[in-house]
C-alpha atoms as a PDB file:
ATOM      1  CA  MET A   1     158.685  34.585   0.449  1.00  0.00           C
ATOM      2  CA  GLN A   2     159.127  32.516  -3.138  1.00  0.00           C
ATOM      3  CA  LYS A   3     161.345  30.499  -4.443  1.00  0.00           C
ATOM      4  CA  GLU A   4     162.341  32.175  -8.036  1.00  0.00           C
ATOM      5  CA  TRP A   5     165.631  31.289 -10.212  1.00  0.00           C
ATOM      6  CA  TYR A   6     168.967  33.513  -9.877  1.00  0.00           C
ATOM      7  CA  VAL A   7     171.922  34.284 -12.103  1.00  0.00           C
ATOM      8  CA  ALA A   8     175.666  33.652 -10.301  1.00  0.00           C
ATOM      9  CA  ASN A   9     178.921  34.711 -11.305  1.00  0.00           C
ATOM     10  CA  THR A  10     181.453  31.878 -11.395  1.00  0.00           C
ATOM     11  CA  TYR A  11     185.513  31.754 -12.459  1.00  0.00           C
ATOM     12  CA  SER A  12     184.682  30.689 -15.689  1.00  0.00           C
ATOM     13  CA  GLY A  13     185.676  27.220 -16.237  1.00  0.00           C
ATOM     14  CA  HIS A  14     184.666  26.827 -12.555  1.00  0.00           C
ATOM     15  CA  GLU A  15     180.845  26.235 -12.404  1.00  0.00           C
ATOM     16  CA  SER A  16     180.887  22.265 -11.789  1.00  0.00           C
ATOM     17  CA  LYS A  17     183.398  23.078  -9.241  1.00  0.00           C
ATOM     18  CA  VAL A  18     181.262  25.386  -7.876  1.00  0.00           C
ATOM     19  CA  LYS A  19     178.140  24.388  -8.425  1.00  0.00           C
ATOM     20  CA  GLU A  20     179.167  20.896  -5.848  1.00  0.00           C
ATOM     21  CA  LYS A  21     180.739  23.588  -3.143  1.00  0.00           C
ATOM     22  CA  LEU A  22     177.338  25.532  -3.378  1.00  0.00           C
ATOM     23  CA  GLN A  23     175.668  21.994  -3.073  1.00  0.00           C
ATOM     24  CA  MET A  24     177.636  21.104   0.155  1.00  0.00           C
ATOM     25  CA  ARG A  25     177.530  24.522   1.701  1.00  0.00           C
ATOM     26  CA  VAL A  26     173.627  23.905   1.568  1.00  0.00           C
ATOM     27  CA  ASN A  27     173.854  20.544   2.770  1.00  0.00           C
ATOM     28  CA  THR A  28     176.483  21.590   5.640  1.00  0.00           C
ATOM     29  CA  MET A  29     173.800  24.867   6.832  1.00  0.00           C
ATOM     30  CA  GLY A  30     170.317  23.121   6.683  1.00  0.00           C
ATOM     31  CA  MET A  31     169.889  25.727   3.845  1.00  0.00           C
ATOM     32  CA  GLU A  32     167.645  22.946   2.132  1.00  0.00           C
ATOM     33  CA  ASP A  33     164.491  24.680   2.210  1.00  0.00           C
ATOM     34  CA  TYR A  34     165.904  28.097   1.215  1.00  0.00           C
ATOM     35  CA  ILE A  35     168.151  26.295  -1.742  1.00  0.00           C
ATOM     36  CA  PHE A  36     167.053  24.635  -3.892  1.00  0.00           C
ATOM     37  CA  ARG A  37     168.105  23.674  -7.264  1.00  0.00           C
ATOM     38  CA  ILE A  38     171.640  24.458  -8.188  1.00  0.00           C
ATOM     39  CA  ILE A  39     172.144  24.297 -12.393  1.00  0.00           C
ATOM     40  CA  VAL A  40     175.204  24.458 -14.855  1.00  0.00           C
ATOM     41  CA  PRO A  41     173.315  26.035 -18.322  1.00  0.00           C
ATOM     42  CA  GLU A  42     174.106  22.721 -21.297  1.00  0.00           C
ATOM     43  CA  GLN A  43     173.933  22.246 -24.038  1.00  0.00           C
ATOM     44  CA  THR A  44     174.010  19.338 -26.476  1.00  0.00           C
ATOM     45  CA  GLU A  45     175.111  19.493 -28.991  1.00  0.00           C
ATOM     46  CA  VAL A  46     176.013  17.682 -32.725  1.00  0.00           C
ATOM     47  CA  GLU A  47     178.831  18.212 -34.498  1.00  0.00           C
ATOM     48  CA  PHE A  48     180.834  16.512 -37.191  1.00  0.00           C
ATOM     49  CA  LYS A  49     184.627  15.824 -37.293  1.00  0.00           C
ATOM     50  CA  ASP A  50     186.573  14.284 -40.039  1.00  0.00           C
ATOM     51  CA  GLY A  51     183.276  12.601 -41.085  1.00  0.00           C
ATOM     52  CA  VAL A  52     182.133  11.710 -37.397  1.00  0.00           C
ATOM     53  CA  GLN A  53     179.593  12.622 -36.275  1.00  0.00           C
ATOM     54  CA  LYS A  54     179.847  13.413 -32.211  1.00  0.00           C
ATOM     55  CA  GLU A  55     178.464  15.317 -29.020  1.00  0.00           C
ATOM     56  CA  LYS A  56     179.973  17.822 -27.408  1.00  0.00           C
ATOM     57  CA  VAL A  57     177.954  19.987 -24.131  1.00  0.00           C
ATOM     58  CA  LYS A  58     178.762  23.237 -24.053  1.00  0.00           C
ATOM     59  CA  LYS A  59     178.323  25.722 -21.441  1.00  0.00           C
ATOM     60  CA  MET A  60     175.483  27.787 -22.588  1.00  0.00           C
ATOM     61  CA  PHE A  61     177.403  30.533 -20.006  1.00  0.00           C
ATOM     62  CA  PRO A  62     179.648  30.370 -19.687  1.00  0.00           C
ATOM     63  CA  GLY A  63     180.883  31.395 -16.656  1.00  0.00           C
ATOM     64  CA  TYR A  64     177.681  31.365 -15.503  1.00  0.00           C
ATOM     65  CA  ILE A  65     175.142  28.810 -12.770  1.00  0.00           C
ATOM     66  CA  LEU A  66     171.315  29.570 -11.501  1.00  0.00           C
ATOM     67  CA  VAL A  67     170.481  29.042  -9.104  1.00  0.00           C
ATOM     68  CA  GLU A  68     166.587  28.140  -7.799  1.00  0.00           C
ATOM     69  CA  MET A  69     166.327  29.973  -4.035  1.00  0.00           C
ATOM     70  CA  MET A  70     164.099  32.018  -1.652  1.00  0.00           C
ATOM     71  CA  MET A  71     166.057  34.368  -1.138  1.00  0.00           C
ATOM     72  CA  THR A  72     166.863  35.330   2.835  1.00  0.00           C
ATOM     73  CA  ASP A  73     169.625  36.932   4.606  1.00  0.00           C
ATOM     74  CA  GLU A  74     170.979  33.719   5.260  1.00  0.00           C
ATOM     75  CA  ALA A  75     170.864  32.556   1.987  1.00  0.00           C
ATOM     76  CA  TRP A  76     171.753  35.264  -0.132  1.00  0.00           C
ATOM     77  CA  PHE A  77     174.811  35.292   2.301  1.00  0.00           C
ATOM     78  CA  VAL A  78     175.846  31.265   1.760  1.00  0.00           C
ATOM     79  CA  VAL A  79     175.169  31.609  -1.705  1.00  0.00           C
ATOM     80  CA  ARG A  80     177.432  34.741  -2.332  1.00  0.00           C
ATOM     81  CA  ASN A  81     180.076  32.977   0.414  1.00  0.00           C
ATOM     82  CA  THR A  82     180.192  30.188  -1.775  1.00  0.00           C
ATOM     83  CA  PRO A  83     184.590  30.302  -2.953  1.00  0.00           C
ATOM     84  CA  GLY A  84     184.231  30.576  -6.737  1.00  0.00           C
ATOM     85  CA  VAL A  85     181.146  32.237  -6.804  1.00  0.00           C
ATOM     86  CA  THR A  86     182.100  36.011  -7.712  1.00  0.00           C
ATOM     87  CA  GLY A  87     178.750  37.896  -7.470  1.00  0.00           C
ATOM     88  CA  PHE A  88     175.018  37.955  -8.739  1.00  0.00           C
ATOM     89  CA  ILE A  89     173.563  39.254 -11.789  1.00  0.00           C
ATOM     90  CA  GLY A  90     171.065  41.961 -10.982  1.00  0.00           C
ATOM     91  CA  SER A  91     172.642  43.515  -8.142  1.00  0.00           C
ATOM     92  CA  SER A  92     174.793  46.270  -8.392  1.00  0.00           C
ATOM     93  CA  GLY A  93     177.093  44.684  -5.633  1.00  0.00           C
ATOM     94  CA  LYS A  94     177.064  47.834  -3.162  1.00  0.00           C
ATOM     95  CA  GLY A  95     174.977  45.566  -0.259  1.00  0.00           C
ATOM     96  CA  GLU A  96     172.001  45.671  -2.523  1.00  0.00           C
ATOM     97  CA  LYS A  97     169.738  41.604  -3.515  1.00  0.00           C
ATOM     98  CA  PRO A  98     169.805  40.659  -7.129  1.00  0.00           C
ATOM     99  CA  PHE A  99     167.067  40.451  -9.055  1.00  0.00           C
ATOM    100  CA  PRO A 100     165.616  36.925 -10.005  1.00  0.00           C
ATOM    101  CA  LEU A 101     165.320  35.619 -13.929  1.00  0.00           C
ATOM    102  CA  THR A 102     161.638  36.218 -15.392  1.00  0.00           C
ATOM    103  CA  LYS A 103     159.675  33.433 -15.706  1.00  0.00           C
ATOM    104  CA  GLU A 104     159.967  33.264 -19.171  1.00  0.00           C
ATOM    105  CA  GLU A 105     163.685  34.595 -19.301  1.00  0.00           C
ATOM    106  CA  VAL A 106     163.905  30.501 -16.904  1.00  0.00           C
ATOM    107  CA  ASP A 107     161.597  28.716 -18.347  1.00  0.00           C
ATOM    108  CA  ASN A 108     163.408  29.985 -22.379  1.00  0.00           C
ATOM    109  CA  ILE A 109     166.745  28.717 -20.720  1.00  0.00           C
ATOM    110  CA  LEU A 110     165.386  25.172 -19.574  1.00  0.00           C
ATOM    111  CA  SER A 111     164.294  24.467 -22.675  1.00  0.00           C
ATOM    112  CA  ASN A 112     166.955  24.404 -24.004  1.00  0.00           C
ATOM    113  CA  MET A 113     168.580  21.852 -21.562  1.00  0.00           C
ATOM    114  CA  GLY A 114     165.383  19.704 -21.965  1.00  0.00           C
ATOM    115  CA  LEU A 115     163.871  21.734 -17.947  1.00  0.00           C
ATOM    116  CA  ARG A 116     161.527  23.431 -16.720  1.00  0.00           C
ATOM    117  CA  ARG A 117     160.742  25.250 -14.356  1.00  0.00           C
ATOM    118  CA  VAL A 118     158.323  23.655 -10.995  1.00  0.00           C
ATOM    119  CA  GLU A 119     155.427  25.582  -9.427  1.00  0.00           C
ATOM    120  CA  VAL A 120     156.148  24.755  -5.832  1.00  0.00           C
ATOM    121  CA  ASP A 121     151.826  25.841  -5.222  1.00  0.00           C
ATOM    122  CA  SER A 122     150.956  22.807  -7.505  1.00  0.00           C
ATOM    123  CA  ASN A 123     147.777  22.040  -5.453  1.00  0.00           C
ATOM    124  CA  PHE A 124     148.483  18.508  -6.449  1.00  0.00           C
ATOM    125  CA  LYS A 125     145.471  16.114  -4.481  1.00  0.00           C
ATOM    126  CA  VAL A 126     145.797  12.679  -3.147  1.00  0.00           C
ATOM    127  CA  ASP A 127     144.141   9.826  -6.138  1.00  0.00           C
ATOM    128  CA  GLU A 128     144.910  12.400  -9.107  1.00  0.00           C
ATOM    129  CA  THR A 129     146.085  11.074 -12.139  1.00  0.00           C
ATOM    130  CA  ILE A 130     148.946  12.756 -13.254  1.00  0.00           C
ATOM    131  CA  LYS A 131     151.354  11.252 -16.641  1.00  0.00           C
ATOM    132  CA  ILE A 132     154.759  11.149 -16.023  1.00  0.00           C
ATOM    133  CA  VAL A 133     157.097  13.390 -18.739  1.00  0.00           C
ATOM    134  CA  SER A 134     160.477  12.015 -17.957  1.00  0.00           C
ATOM    135  CA  GLY A 135     162.244   9.364 -15.863  1.00  0.00           C
ATOM    136  CA  PRO A 136     162.471   5.215 -16.906  1.00  0.00           C
ATOM    137  CA  PHE A 137     158.165   5.415 -16.472  1.00  0.00           C
ATOM    138  CA  ALA A 138     157.994   8.290 -19.060  1.00  0.00           C
ATOM    139  CA  GLY A 139     154.446   8.032 -20.838  1.00  0.00           C
ATOM    140  CA  MET A 140     152.579   5.885 -18.244  1.00  0.00           C
ATOM    141  CA  PHE A 141     149.747   7.203 -16.316  1.00  0.00           C
ATOM    142  CA  ALA A 142     150.319   7.195 -12.018  1.00  0.00           C
ATOM    143  CA  LYS A 143     148.281   7.618  -9.489  1.00  0.00           C
ATOM    144  CA  VAL A 144     149.058  10.158  -6.648  1.00  0.00           C
ATOM    145  CA  LYS A 145     149.170   8.501  -2.924  1.00  0.00           C
ATOM    146  CA  GLU A 146     151.702  10.868  -0.896  1.00  0.00           C
ATOM    147  CA  ILE A 147     152.269  14.259  -1.197  1.00  0.00           C
ATOM    148  CA  ASP A 148     154.960  15.313  -0.526  1.00  0.00           C
ATOM    149  CA  MET A 149     155.727  18.666  -0.863  1.00  0.00           C
ATOM    150  CA  ASP A 150     158.820  19.994   1.193  1.00  0.00           C
ATOM    151  CA  ASN A 151     160.844  17.775  -1.248  1.00  0.00           C
ATOM    152  CA  GLN A 152     158.853  18.118  -4.080  1.00  0.00           C
ATOM    153  CA  LYS A 153     157.876  14.775  -4.114  1.00  0.00           C
ATOM    154  CA  LEU A 154     154.918  12.237  -4.509  1.00  0.00           C
ATOM    155  CA  GLY A 155     154.565   9.227  -4.177  1.00  0.00           C
ATOM    156  CA  VAL A 156     152.583   7.107  -7.083  1.00  0.00           C
ATOM    157  CA  ASP A 157     151.251   3.497  -7.393  1.00  0.00           C
ATOM    158  CA  ILE A 158     151.549   2.959 -11.121  1.00  0.00           C
ATOM    159  CA  ASP A 159     150.857  -0.195 -12.822  1.00  0.00           C
ATOM    160  CA  LEU A 160     153.665  -2.487 -14.099  1.00  0.00           C
ATOM    161  CA  PHE A 161     152.543  -5.862 -14.892  1.00  0.00           C
ATOM    162  CA  GLY A 162     149.689  -5.998 -13.945  1.00  0.00           C
ATOM    163  CA  GLN A 163     150.754  -5.029 -10.258  1.00  0.00           C
ATOM    164  CA  GLU A 164     150.346  -1.512  -8.522  1.00  0.00           C
ATOM    165  CA  THR A 165     153.849  -0.249  -7.502  1.00  0.00           C
ATOM    166  CA  ARG A 166     154.678   2.724  -5.402  1.00  0.00           C
ATOM    167  CA  VAL A 167     157.345   4.955  -6.607  1.00  0.00           C
ATOM    168  CA  ASP A 168     158.577   8.054  -5.083  1.00  0.00           C
ATOM    169  CA  LEU A 169     158.577  11.115  -8.709  1.00  0.00           C
ATOM    170  CA  ASP A 170     159.472  15.110  -8.319  1.00  0.00           C
ATOM    171  CA  PHE A 171     157.875  16.924  -9.378  1.00  0.00           C
ATOM    172  CA  ASN A 172     159.458  17.969 -12.440  1.00  0.00           C
ATOM    173  CA  GLU A 173     158.760  14.325 -13.881  1.00  0.00           C
ATOM    174  CA  ILE A 174     155.117  14.590 -14.231  1.00  0.00           C
ATOM    175  CA  ASP A 175     152.915  16.365 -15.460  1.00  0.00           C
ATOM    176  CA  ARG A 176     149.015  16.594 -15.004  1.00  0.00           C
ATOM    177  CA  ILE A 177     146.509  15.138 -17.414  1.00  0.00           C
END
């Protein structure tokens, strides 16, 4: 079974609270291997008001959150029964599991947020050189030393001031060369 992105319907205005509650439930119920990322789709917009430039964070889809998960019966139960979740998009609501978002839909939404989808089956190799694309080391190159597929992390060595330094990075922070 592979992980895919699903859209959960929430009470409008409660998306962040539902995200927190769902993340707590994932941790307390030991579902980290089935429910991976929970995102409230938001965009930063620049507004000019009274001649002053202000940045404002707006929800792209009020009343919805994105959940990256493996659609097992247990994971479906955890998300569906989280306080504030009213259902899934793509489900008839009659006990049928929902349809996942397509890769194109996910890529479009995440790219508008400055994020990207992570492929689980990334075949990284020890001593492979990668490029860091986000975080404090963005733009630097590193050499893979450890691969943790369960947590989607890489242990890499970065050359900082002429000295090799070990750093742990998420798969979504790096890119292949």
